[in-house]
Amino acid sequence: MPSPEDVILKEIDKFMDQVQDRIFQLSQENIIDKKKIDTGTLLKTANINRRFLEKEIVYPAPYADLVEFGRNPGQMPPPDSLFKWVRRKLGITNDNEAKRVSWAIAKSIEKRGIDPSPYMEPAISQAKMEFGL
């Protein structure tokens, strides 16, 4: 027979799963609502790592932090990282033109930065309200 402490810890772990599931759901909805979808990598690679009394929502896409927190002026992204996006989103098929546009966008980001589009922070805040935390 499990001890009362074990029963309580199991219930706490179950509650933590419910909260994490809701935060995860809300964060995914926020990404969709903010139209931060291009290839879907940010959404598709996200997951929850679950261990007893330890939960972690993971967005492993290399740009996940940049979406959540933005980018300060003065930091230029590598133009090569923008190349496929420029071809796909802007429809530029000529490689030389796509390279020039990628460079121009990278320089603009270096000058102006990128505004944040938080998807986790609002999800956490909403879940806290919903669960009375």
N, C-alpha and C. Protein backbone atom coordinates (compact mmCIF):
# COMPACT_ATOMS: atom_id res chain seq x y z
N MET A 1 0.84 -1.18 0.00
CA MET A 1 0.00 0.00 0.00
C MET A 1 0.89 1.25 0.00
N PRO A 2 0.61 2.18 -0.93
CA PRO A 2 1.45 3.39 -0.98
C PRO A 2 1.23 4.27 0.25
N SER A 3 2.29 4.95 0.60
CA SER A 3 2.21 5.86 1.74
C SER A 3 1.39 7.09 1.37
N PRO A 4 0.85 7.79 2.37
CA PRO A 4 0.10 9.03 2.07
C PRO A 4 0.97 10.03 1.31
N GLU A 5 2.26 10.08 1.62
CA GLU A 5 3.16 11.00 0.92
C GLU A 5 3.28 10.62 -0.56
N ASP A 6 3.36 9.32 -0.86
CA ASP A 6 3.44 8.87 -2.25
C ASP A 6 2.17 9.21 -3.01
N VAL A 7 1.03 9.06 -2.36
CA VAL A 7 -0.26 9.39 -2.99
C VAL A 7 -0.32 10.89 -3.31
N ILE A 8 0.11 11.71 -2.38
CA ILE A 8 0.10 13.16 -2.59
C ILE A 8 1.05 13.54 -3.72
N LEU A 9 2.24 12.97 -3.73
CA LEU A 9 3.22 13.28 -4.78
C LEU A 9 2.70 12.85 -6.16
N LYS A 10 2.03 11.71 -6.20
CA LYS A 10 1.46 11.26 -7.47
C LYS A 10 0.39 12.23 -7.97
N GLU A 11 -0.44 12.74 -7.07
CA GLU A 11 -1.47 13.72 -7.44
C GLU A 11 -0.84 15.04 -7.89
N ILE A 12 0.22 15.45 -7.22
CA ILE A 12 0.93 16.67 -7.63
C ILE A 12 1.49 16.49 -9.03
N ASP A 13 2.09 15.34 -9.30
CA ASP A 13 2.66 15.07 -10.63
C ASP A 13 1.56 15.09 -11.69
N LYS A 14 0.41 14.52 -11.36
CA LYS A 14 -0.73 14.52 -12.29
C LYS A 14 -1.20 15.95 -12.58
N PHE A 15 -1.28 16.77 -11.55
CA PHE A 15 -1.68 18.16 -11.72
C PHE A 15 -0.65 18.92 -12.57
N MET A 16 0.63 18.66 -12.32
CA MET A 16 1.68 19.30 -13.12
C MET A 16 1.54 18.93 -14.60
N ASP A 17 1.20 17.69 -14.89
CA ASP A 17 0.96 17.27 -16.28
C ASP A 17 -0.18 18.07 -16.89
N GLN A 18 -1.27 18.25 -16.13
CA GLN A 18 -2.42 19.00 -16.65
C GLN A 18 -2.03 20.45 -16.96
N VAL A 19 -1.28 21.08 -16.06
CA VAL A 19 -0.86 22.47 -16.27
C VAL A 19 0.06 22.55 -17.49
N GLN A 20 1.03 21.66 -17.57
CA GLN A 20 1.97 21.68 -18.70
C GLN A 20 1.24 21.44 -20.02
N ASP A 21 0.29 20.52 -20.03
CA ASP A 21 -0.48 20.27 -21.25
C ASP A 21 -1.22 21.52 -21.70
N ARG A 22 -1.79 22.25 -20.74
CA ARG A 22 -2.53 23.46 -21.08
C ARG A 22 -1.59 24.56 -21.58
N ILE A 23 -0.46 24.73 -20.91
CA ILE A 23 0.52 25.72 -21.36
C ILE A 23 1.00 25.39 -22.76
N PHE A 24 1.28 24.13 -23.00
CA PHE A 24 1.73 23.70 -24.33
C PHE A 24 0.67 24.00 -25.38
N GLN A 25 -0.58 23.63 -25.10
CA GLN A 25 -1.67 23.90 -26.03
C GLN A 25 -1.78 25.40 -26.32
N LEU A 26 -1.77 26.21 -25.28
CA LEU A 26 -1.89 27.66 -25.47
C LEU A 26 -0.70 28.23 -26.24
N SER A 27 0.50 27.73 -25.98
CA SER A 27 1.67 28.24 -26.70
C SER A 27 1.57 27.91 -28.19
N GLN A 28 1.08 26.71 -28.51
CA GLN A 28 0.91 26.33 -29.91
C GLN A 28 -0.16 27.23 -30.58
N GLU A 29 -1.25 27.48 -29.86
CA GLU A 29 -2.29 28.36 -30.39
C GLU A 29 -1.76 29.77 -30.60
N ASN A 30 -0.91 30.25 -29.69
CA ASN A 30 -0.33 31.59 -29.84
C ASN A 30 0.54 31.68 -31.09
N ILE A 31 1.31 30.65 -31.36
CA ILE A 31 2.15 30.66 -32.56
C ILE A 31 1.28 30.74 -33.80
N ILE A 32 0.21 29.99 -33.82
CA ILE A 32 -0.71 30.00 -34.97
C ILE A 32 -1.40 31.36 -35.07
N ASP A 33 -1.90 31.87 -33.95
CA ASP A 33 -2.63 33.15 -33.95
C ASP A 33 -1.73 34.31 -34.40
N LYS A 34 -0.45 34.27 -34.02
CA LYS A 34 0.47 35.34 -34.38
C LYS A 34 1.06 35.15 -35.78
N LYS A 35 0.60 34.09 -36.45
CA LYS A 35 1.05 33.78 -37.81
C LYS A 35 2.57 33.63 -37.89
N LYS A 36 3.14 32.94 -36.91
CA LYS A 36 4.58 32.69 -36.88
C LYS A 36 4.88 31.31 -37.46
N ILE A 37 4.15 30.97 -38.53
CA ILE A 37 4.32 29.67 -39.17
C ILE A 37 4.83 29.90 -40.58
N ASP A 38 5.91 29.24 -40.90
CA ASP A 38 6.43 29.24 -42.26
C ASP A 38 6.47 27.79 -42.72
N THR A 39 7.44 27.05 -42.24
CA THR A 39 7.54 25.64 -42.58
C THR A 39 6.85 24.75 -41.55
N GLY A 40 6.50 25.32 -40.41
CA GLY A 40 5.86 24.55 -39.35
C GLY A 40 6.84 23.92 -38.37
N THR A 41 8.13 24.19 -38.55
CA THR A 41 9.15 23.57 -37.69
C THR A 41 8.97 23.94 -36.23
N LEU A 42 8.66 25.19 -35.95
CA LEU A 42 8.49 25.62 -34.56
C LEU A 42 7.38 24.80 -33.89
N LEU A 43 6.28 24.59 -34.59
CA LEU A 43 5.17 23.82 -34.04
C LEU A 43 5.48 22.33 -33.98
N LYS A 44 6.01 21.79 -35.07
CA LYS A 44 6.19 20.34 -35.19
C LYS A 44 7.26 19.77 -34.26
N THR A 45 8.27 20.55 -33.94
CA THR A 45 9.37 20.02 -33.13
C THR A 45 9.15 20.20 -31.64
N ALA A 46 8.13 20.94 -31.27
CA ALA A 46 7.88 21.20 -29.84
C ALA A 46 7.39 19.94 -29.14
N ASN A 47 7.74 19.84 -27.86
CA ASN A 47 7.30 18.68 -27.09
C ASN A 47 7.40 18.99 -25.60
N ILE A 48 6.88 18.07 -24.82
CA ILE A 48 6.99 18.16 -23.36
C ILE A 48 7.82 16.99 -22.88
N ASN A 49 8.89 17.29 -22.17
CA ASN A 49 9.68 16.25 -21.50
C ASN A 49 9.05 16.03 -20.13
N ARG A 50 8.66 14.81 -19.87
CA ARG A 50 7.98 14.49 -18.61
C ARG A 50 8.80 13.50 -17.79
N ARG A 51 9.09 13.93 -16.59
CA ARG A 51 9.66 13.06 -15.57
C ARG A 51 8.83 13.27 -14.31
N PHE A 52 8.94 12.36 -13.39
CA PHE A 52 8.16 12.49 -12.16
C PHE A 52 8.53 13.78 -11.45
N LEU A 53 7.53 14.66 -11.29
CA LEU A 53 7.65 15.97 -10.64
C LEU A 53 8.59 16.93 -11.37
N GLU A 54 8.91 16.64 -12.61
CA GLU A 54 9.73 17.53 -13.45
C GLU A 54 9.12 17.55 -14.84
N LYS A 55 8.75 18.72 -15.29
CA LYS A 55 8.14 18.89 -16.61
C LYS A 55 8.89 20.01 -17.33
N GLU A 56 9.06 19.85 -18.63
CA GLU A 56 9.78 20.85 -19.41
C GLU A 56 9.17 20.93 -20.80
N ILE A 57 8.70 22.12 -21.18
CA ILE A 57 8.23 22.35 -22.54
C ILE A 57 9.44 22.78 -23.36
N VAL A 58 9.63 22.12 -24.50
CA VAL A 58 10.82 22.35 -25.31
C VAL A 58 10.41 22.77 -26.72
N TYR A 59 10.96 23.88 -27.16
CA TYR A 59 10.83 24.33 -28.55
C TYR A 59 12.25 24.34 -29.13
N PRO A 60 12.68 23.22 -29.73
CA PRO A 60 14.07 23.10 -30.16
C PRO A 60 14.43 23.80 -31.48
N ALA A 61 13.48 24.38 -32.18
CA ALA A 61 13.82 25.09 -33.42
C ALA A 61 14.87 26.15 -33.10
N PRO A 62 15.88 26.28 -33.93
CA PRO A 62 16.98 27.20 -33.61
C PRO A 62 16.56 28.67 -33.47
N TYR A 63 15.42 29.02 -33.99
CA TYR A 63 14.95 30.41 -33.94
C TYR A 63 13.84 30.62 -32.90
N ALA A 64 13.53 29.61 -32.11
CA ALA A 64 12.43 29.70 -31.15
C ALA A 64 12.60 30.87 -30.19
N ASP A 65 13.80 31.04 -29.64
CA ASP A 65 14.05 32.16 -28.72
C ASP A 65 13.90 33.51 -29.41
N LEU A 66 14.27 33.58 -30.68
CA LEU A 66 14.16 34.85 -31.41
C LEU A 66 12.70 35.24 -31.61
N VAL A 67 11.84 34.24 -31.80
CA VAL A 67 10.41 34.55 -31.92
C VAL A 67 9.88 35.04 -30.57
N GLU A 68 10.21 34.33 -29.51
CA GLU A 68 9.71 34.67 -28.17
C GLU A 68 10.24 36.01 -27.67
N PHE A 69 11.54 36.23 -27.82
CA PHE A 69 12.19 37.40 -27.20
C PHE A 69 12.63 38.48 -28.18
N GLY A 70 12.57 38.21 -29.49
CA GLY A 70 13.02 39.18 -30.47
C GLY A 70 14.53 39.20 -30.59
N ARG A 71 15.02 40.18 -31.30
CA ARG A 71 16.47 40.34 -31.50
C ARG A 71 16.79 41.82 -31.37
N ASN A 72 17.79 42.13 -30.57
CA ASN A 72 18.18 43.53 -30.38
C ASN A 72 18.90 44.06 -31.61
N PRO A 73 18.78 45.36 -31.87
CA PRO A 73 19.58 45.96 -32.94
C PRO A 73 21.06 45.74 -32.64
N GLY A 74 21.85 45.68 -33.70
CA GLY A 74 23.29 45.49 -33.54
C GLY A 74 23.72 44.06 -33.74
N GLN A 75 22.77 43.16 -33.84
CA GLN A 75 23.09 41.75 -34.08
C GLN A 75 22.56 41.37 -35.46
N MET A 76 23.48 41.02 -36.35
CA MET A 76 23.06 40.65 -37.70
C MET A 76 22.96 39.14 -37.82
N PRO A 77 21.81 38.62 -38.25
CA PRO A 77 21.72 37.18 -38.47
C PRO A 77 22.53 36.81 -39.70
N PRO A 78 22.98 35.57 -39.80
CA PRO A 78 23.69 35.16 -41.00
C PRO A 78 22.75 35.21 -42.21
N PRO A 79 23.13 35.94 -43.25
CA PRO A 79 22.26 36.03 -44.43
C PRO A 79 21.90 34.66 -45.01
N ASP A 80 22.83 33.70 -44.90
CA ASP A 80 22.54 32.36 -45.43
C ASP A 80 21.33 31.73 -44.75
N SER A 81 21.11 32.07 -43.48
CA SER A 81 19.97 31.49 -42.77
C SER A 81 18.65 32.06 -43.28
N LEU A 82 18.69 33.17 -44.00
CA LEU A 82 17.48 33.79 -44.54
C LEU A 82 17.21 33.39 -45.99
N PHE A 83 18.21 32.79 -46.63
CA PHE A 83 18.15 32.50 -48.07
C PHE A 83 16.92 31.68 -48.46
N LYS A 84 16.70 30.54 -47.80
CA LYS A 84 15.56 29.68 -48.15
C LYS A 84 14.24 30.38 -47.86
N TRP A 85 14.21 31.14 -46.77
CA TRP A 85 12.99 31.88 -46.44
C TRP A 85 12.68 32.89 -47.54
N VAL A 86 13.70 33.62 -47.99
CA VAL A 86 13.51 34.63 -49.04
C VAL A 86 12.97 33.96 -50.31
N ARG A 87 13.54 32.83 -50.68
CA ARG A 87 13.08 32.14 -51.89
C ARG A 87 11.63 31.66 -51.71
N ARG A 88 11.35 31.08 -50.56
CA ARG A 88 10.03 30.50 -50.33
C ARG A 88 8.96 31.57 -50.13
N LYS A 89 9.19 32.51 -49.22
CA LYS A 89 8.16 33.48 -48.85
C LYS A 89 8.04 34.63 -49.85
N LEU A 90 9.16 35.03 -50.41
CA LEU A 90 9.12 36.17 -51.34
C LEU A 90 9.06 35.73 -52.80
N GLY A 91 9.21 34.43 -53.02
CA GLY A 91 9.09 33.90 -54.38
C GLY A 91 10.24 34.28 -55.30
N ILE A 92 11.40 34.59 -54.74
CA ILE A 92 12.56 34.97 -55.55
C ILE A 92 13.28 33.69 -55.96
N THR A 93 13.29 33.40 -57.25
CA THR A 93 13.87 32.14 -57.72
C THR A 93 15.32 32.28 -58.17
N ASN A 94 15.73 33.48 -58.53
CA ASN A 94 17.11 33.70 -58.96
C ASN A 94 18.02 33.71 -57.73
N ASP A 95 19.03 32.82 -57.72
CA ASP A 95 19.92 32.69 -56.57
C ASP A 95 20.64 33.99 -56.22
N ASN A 96 21.15 34.68 -57.21
CA ASN A 96 21.88 35.93 -56.93
C ASN A 96 20.96 36.98 -56.32
N GLU A 97 19.77 37.09 -56.86
CA GLU A 97 18.80 38.04 -56.32
C GLU A 97 18.40 37.65 -54.91
N ALA A 98 18.18 36.36 -54.67
CA ALA A 98 17.81 35.89 -53.34
C ALA A 98 18.94 36.17 -52.34
N LYS A 99 20.19 36.04 -52.77
CA LYS A 99 21.33 36.35 -51.89
C LYS A 99 21.36 37.84 -51.55
N ARG A 100 21.12 38.69 -52.54
CA ARG A 100 21.11 40.14 -52.30
C ARG A 100 19.98 40.52 -51.34
N VAL A 101 18.81 39.96 -51.55
CA VAL A 101 17.67 40.26 -50.67
C VAL A 101 17.94 39.74 -49.27
N SER A 102 18.52 38.55 -49.15
CA SER A 102 18.86 37.98 -47.84
C SER A 102 19.82 38.89 -47.10
N TRP A 103 20.81 39.39 -47.82
CA TRP A 103 21.79 40.30 -47.22
C TRP A 103 21.10 41.59 -46.76
N ALA A 104 20.23 42.14 -47.60
CA ALA A 104 19.53 43.38 -47.25
C ALA A 104 18.64 43.18 -46.01
N ILE A 105 17.96 42.06 -45.94
CA ILE A 105 17.10 41.78 -44.77
C ILE A 105 17.96 41.62 -43.52
N ALA A 106 19.08 40.91 -43.65
CA ALA A 106 19.98 40.72 -42.50
C ALA A 106 20.50 42.08 -42.01
N LYS A 107 20.86 42.96 -42.92
CA LYS A 107 21.34 44.30 -42.53
C LYS A 107 20.22 45.11 -41.86
N SER A 108 19.01 44.96 -42.36
CA SER A 108 17.87 45.66 -41.76
C SER A 108 17.63 45.15 -40.34
N ILE A 109 17.72 43.84 -40.15
CA ILE A 109 17.56 43.27 -38.81
C ILE A 109 18.67 43.77 -37.89
N GLU A 110 19.89 43.85 -38.43
CA GLU A 110 21.01 44.36 -37.63
C GLU A 110 20.73 45.80 -37.18
N LYS A 111 20.14 46.58 -38.05
CA LYS A 111 19.87 47.99 -37.75
C LYS A 111 18.67 48.16 -36.82
N ARG A 112 17.59 47.44 -37.09
CA ARG A 112 16.33 47.67 -36.37
C ARG A 112 15.99 46.60 -35.33
N GLY A 113 16.62 45.43 -35.45
CA GLY A 113 16.26 44.33 -34.57
C GLY A 113 14.97 43.68 -35.04
N ILE A 114 14.45 42.79 -34.23
CA ILE A 114 13.18 42.12 -34.51
C ILE A 114 12.34 42.20 -33.24
N ASP A 115 11.11 42.64 -33.38
CA ASP A 115 10.22 42.69 -32.23
C ASP A 115 9.89 41.28 -31.75
N PRO A 116 9.74 41.12 -30.44
CA PRO A 116 9.34 39.81 -29.93
C PRO A 116 7.90 39.48 -30.29
N SER A 117 7.62 38.21 -30.42
CA SER A 117 6.25 37.70 -30.59
C SER A 117 6.06 36.57 -29.58
N PRO A 118 5.92 36.94 -28.31
CA PRO A 118 5.87 35.92 -27.28
C PRO A 118 4.73 34.93 -27.46
N TYR A 119 5.05 33.67 -27.32
CA TYR A 119 4.04 32.63 -27.38
C TYR A 119 4.02 31.84 -26.07
N MET A 120 5.14 31.76 -25.36
CA MET A 120 5.18 31.02 -24.09
C MET A 120 4.69 31.87 -22.92
N GLU A 121 5.20 33.09 -22.81
CA GLU A 121 4.86 33.94 -21.65
C GLU A 121 3.35 34.14 -21.53
N PRO A 122 2.66 34.49 -22.63
CA PRO A 122 1.21 34.63 -22.50
C PRO A 122 0.51 33.31 -22.17
N ALA A 123 1.05 32.20 -22.66
CA ALA A 123 0.46 30.89 -22.37
C ALA A 123 0.60 30.58 -20.88
N ILE A 124 1.76 30.88 -20.33
CA ILE A 124 1.99 30.64 -18.90
C ILE A 124 1.06 31.52 -18.07
N SER A 125 0.96 32.79 -18.43
CA SER A 125 0.09 33.72 -17.69
C SER A 125 -1.37 33.26 -17.72
N GLN A 126 -1.83 32.84 -18.90
CA GLN A 126 -3.23 32.41 -19.01
C GLN A 126 -3.46 31.13 -18.21
N ALA A 127 -2.53 30.19 -18.29
CA ALA A 127 -2.68 28.93 -17.55
C ALA A 127 -2.67 29.19 -16.04
N LYS A 128 -1.83 30.11 -15.60
CA LYS A 128 -1.81 30.45 -14.18
C LYS A 128 -3.18 30.95 -13.73
N MET A 129 -3.79 31.80 -14.55
CA MET A 129 -5.13 32.30 -14.22
C MET A 129 -6.16 31.16 -14.21
N GLU A 130 -6.10 30.33 -15.24
CA GLU A 130 -7.08 29.24 -15.35
C GLU A 130 -6.98 28.25 -14.20
N PHE A 131 -5.76 27.99 -13.74
CA PHE A 131 -5.56 27.01 -12.68
C PHE A 131 -5.49 27.66 -11.29
N GLY A 132 -5.64 28.99 -11.25
CA GLY A 132 -5.62 29.68 -9.97
C GLY A 132 -4.27 29.65 -9.29
N LEU A 133 -3.23 29.73 -10.08
CA LEU A 133 -1.86 29.68 -9.53
C LEU A 133 -1.29 31.07 -9.36
